[in-house]
Amino acid sequence: MADRHPLFKPLVFVGGIIFGFGLGFSHMARPEVVVNFLLFEDLGLPFVMFGAAIVSGVAFALLPRVRDAAPLTGDPYERRLKPFDRNVLVGGAVFGVGWGLSGICPGAAYASLGVGNVTILWALGGMFVGAYAQGYWRSRSGTRDAAAAGAD
């Protein structure tokens, strides 16, 4: 981390501000918009999501052809494949249930707080509790896996 460009953190911060502003401007930081999407009453959210996916897809396709490495980190552009296992299914299910119950996903929750939705603190609290529980569960299962591997 010490070898990163000095502008790395400020640019990440500015990117987060722009992302949050975009969520607020497009009304995607309002839980009722997300709930209306999940009830198939408002289809504005998929257009925002697909627009972001198209921009990201074009960037991921073109940037490796223009540059060999990321400008601020120097890391090479490469695909990082992750296994599709039980953790992905359970995590996706928990994320989906939380998204449906609260009407907000983690990134938009902070933007929602920024536009004055104080009641979103309940959802943020639930996200922190869930993240802590997942970290605790992972550390416990990792300890057991290491103990079993050391027994061989």
Protein backbone atom coordinates (compact mmCIF):
# COMPACT_ATOMS: atom_id res chain seq x y z
CA MET A 1 0.00 0.00 0.00
CA ALA A 2 2.90 2.36 0.64
CA ASP A 3 3.91 2.26 -3.05
CA ARG A 4 0.62 3.71 -4.31
CA HIS A 5 0.52 7.04 -6.07
CA PRO A 6 0.02 9.98 -3.66
CA LEU A 7 -3.22 10.93 -5.43
CA PHE A 8 -4.75 7.46 -4.95
CA LYS A 9 -6.76 8.20 -1.78
CA PRO A 10 -7.87 11.71 -2.80
CA LEU A 11 -9.09 10.38 -6.16
CA VAL A 12 -10.93 7.50 -4.50
CA PHE A 13 -12.58 10.05 -2.21
CA VAL A 14 -13.57 12.28 -5.16
CA GLY A 15 -14.86 9.22 -7.03
CA GLY A 16 -17.02 8.32 -4.03
CA ILE A 17 -18.39 11.86 -3.87
CA ILE A 18 -19.26 11.75 -7.58
CA PHE A 19 -20.84 8.29 -7.17
CA GLY A 20 -22.90 9.47 -4.19
CA PHE A 21 -23.98 12.61 -6.05
CA GLY A 22 -25.03 10.45 -9.01
CA LEU A 23 -27.07 8.18 -6.76
CA GLY A 24 -28.74 11.17 -5.13
CA PHE A 25 -29.36 12.96 -8.45
CA SER A 26 -30.89 9.84 -10.05
CA HIS A 27 -33.03 9.23 -6.94
CA MET A 28 -31.47 5.79 -6.50
CA ALA A 29 -30.63 6.71 -2.89
CA ARG A 30 -34.34 6.72 -2.04
CA PRO A 31 -35.53 3.37 -0.65
CA GLU A 32 -39.02 3.83 -2.10
CA VAL A 33 -37.52 3.89 -5.63
CA VAL A 34 -35.77 0.57 -4.97
CA VAL A 35 -38.89 -0.99 -3.43
CA ASN A 36 -40.99 0.20 -6.39
CA PHE A 37 -38.44 -1.44 -8.71
CA LEU A 38 -38.65 -4.71 -6.75
CA LEU A 39 -42.46 -4.54 -7.05
CA PHE A 40 -42.09 -3.91 -10.84
CA GLU A 41 -43.79 -0.51 -10.51
CA ASP A 42 -40.79 1.66 -11.50
CA LEU A 43 -38.23 0.46 -14.03
CA GLY A 44 -35.86 3.43 -13.78
CA LEU A 45 -33.38 1.50 -11.63
CA PRO A 46 -32.56 -1.14 -14.27
CA PHE A 47 -31.80 1.62 -16.78
CA VAL A 48 -29.35 3.20 -14.33
CA MET A 49 -27.81 -0.20 -13.56
CA PHE A 50 -27.53 -1.24 -17.21
CA GLY A 51 -26.08 2.16 -18.12
CA ALA A 52 -23.41 1.72 -15.46
CA ALA A 53 -22.75 -1.85 -16.62
CA ILE A 54 -22.27 -0.69 -20.22
CA VAL A 55 -19.83 2.06 -19.23
CA SER A 56 -17.92 -0.38 -17.00
CA GLY A 57 -17.87 -3.05 -19.70
CA VAL A 58 -16.48 -0.64 -22.28
CA ALA A 59 -13.85 0.58 -19.80
CA PHE A 60 -12.80 -2.97 -18.90
CA ALA A 61 -12.57 -3.90 -22.58
CA LEU A 62 -10.64 -0.82 -23.74
CA LEU A 63 -8.31 0.10 -20.86
CA PRO A 64 -6.09 -3.00 -21.08
CA ARG A 65 -5.54 -2.21 -24.77
CA VAL A 66 -4.56 1.40 -24.03
CA ARG A 67 -2.44 0.87 -20.90
CA ASP A 68 -0.51 -2.06 -19.46
CA ALA A 69 -1.22 -1.19 -15.83
CA ALA A 70 -3.54 0.89 -13.67
CA PRO A 71 -2.25 4.48 -13.56
CA LEU A 72 -2.35 5.00 -9.79
CA THR A 73 -1.43 1.56 -8.48
CA GLY A 74 0.75 0.15 -11.25
CA ASP A 75 -1.10 -3.17 -10.96
CA PRO A 76 -1.60 -5.00 -14.26
CA TYR A 77 -5.12 -5.27 -15.61
CA GLU A 78 -6.28 -8.85 -15.17
CA ARG A 79 -9.41 -10.84 -14.46
CA ARG A 80 -9.75 -12.10 -10.93
CA LEU A 81 -11.88 -15.19 -11.04
CA LYS A 82 -13.59 -16.22 -7.81
CA PRO A 83 -15.15 -19.61 -7.14
CA PHE A 84 -18.91 -19.91 -7.28
CA ASP A 85 -19.53 -21.75 -4.05
CA ARG A 86 -21.85 -21.90 -1.04
CA ASN A 87 -20.49 -18.60 0.32
CA VAL A 88 -21.52 -16.80 -2.87
CA LEU A 89 -25.03 -18.27 -2.73
CA VAL A 90 -25.54 -17.53 0.97
CA GLY A 91 -24.04 -14.05 0.66
CA GLY A 92 -26.19 -13.25 -2.37
CA ALA A 93 -29.32 -14.47 -0.59
CA VAL A 94 -28.56 -12.42 2.53
CA PHE A 95 -27.75 -9.36 0.39
CA GLY A 96 -30.99 -9.77 -1.59
CA VAL A 97 -33.15 -10.18 1.50
CA GLY A 98 -31.51 -7.16 3.14
CA TRP A 99 -31.92 -5.14 -0.05
CA GLY A 100 -35.60 -6.05 -0.25
CA LEU A 101 -36.31 -5.39 3.43
CA SER A 102 -34.48 -2.07 3.66
CA GLY A 103 -34.99 -0.94 0.08
CA ILE A 104 -31.35 0.07 -0.19
CA CYS A 105 -27.96 -1.45 -0.96
CA PRO A 106 -24.79 -0.53 0.96
CA GLY A 107 -23.41 2.11 -1.42
CA ALA A 108 -26.73 3.84 -1.82
CA ALA A 109 -27.34 3.72 1.95
CA TYR A 110 -24.54 6.21 2.56
CA ALA A 111 -25.83 8.41 -0.26
CA SER A 112 -29.32 8.15 1.24
CA LEU A 113 -27.94 9.35 4.55
CA GLY A 114 -26.34 12.23 2.66
CA VAL A 115 -29.69 13.31 1.21
CA GLY A 116 -31.23 13.45 4.67
CA ASN A 117 -32.76 10.00 5.16
CA VAL A 118 -31.89 9.53 8.84
CA THR A 119 -34.00 6.38 9.23
CA ILE A 120 -31.52 4.60 6.93
CA LEU A 121 -29.29 4.36 10.01
CA TRP A 122 -31.27 1.23 10.92
CA ALA A 123 -30.29 -0.40 7.63
CA LEU A 124 -26.67 0.74 8.04
CA GLY A 125 -26.65 -0.73 11.55
CA GLY A 126 -27.94 -4.02 10.15
CA MET A 127 -25.21 -3.97 7.49
CA PHE A 128 -22.52 -3.48 10.13
CA VAL A 129 -23.95 -6.27 12.31
CA GLY A 130 -24.09 -8.58 9.29
CA ALA A 131 -20.54 -7.72 8.24
CA TYR A 132 -19.28 -8.33 11.77
CA ALA A 133 -21.14 -11.66 12.00
CA GLN A 134 -19.73 -12.75 8.63
CA GLY A 135 -16.20 -11.78 9.67
CA TYR A 136 -16.59 -13.60 12.98
CA TRP A 137 -17.95 -16.71 11.23
CA ARG A 138 -15.14 -16.61 8.65
CA SER A 139 -12.44 -16.25 11.32
CA ARG A 140 -13.90 -19.17 13.29
CA SER A 141 -14.20 -21.43 10.25
CA GLY A 142 -10.70 -20.38 9.10
CA THR A 143 -9.29 -21.35 12.51
CA ARG A 144 -10.95 -24.76 12.31
CA ASP A 145 -9.70 -25.29 8.74
CA ALA A 146 -6.15 -24.37 9.77
CA ALA A 147 -6.33 -26.71 12.78
CA ALA A 148 -7.58 -29.56 10.58
CA ALA A 149 -4.83 -28.93 8.02
CA GLY A 150 -2.19 -28.86 10.75
CA ALA A 151 -3.37 -32.23 12.05
CA ASP A 152 -2.38 -33.97 8.80
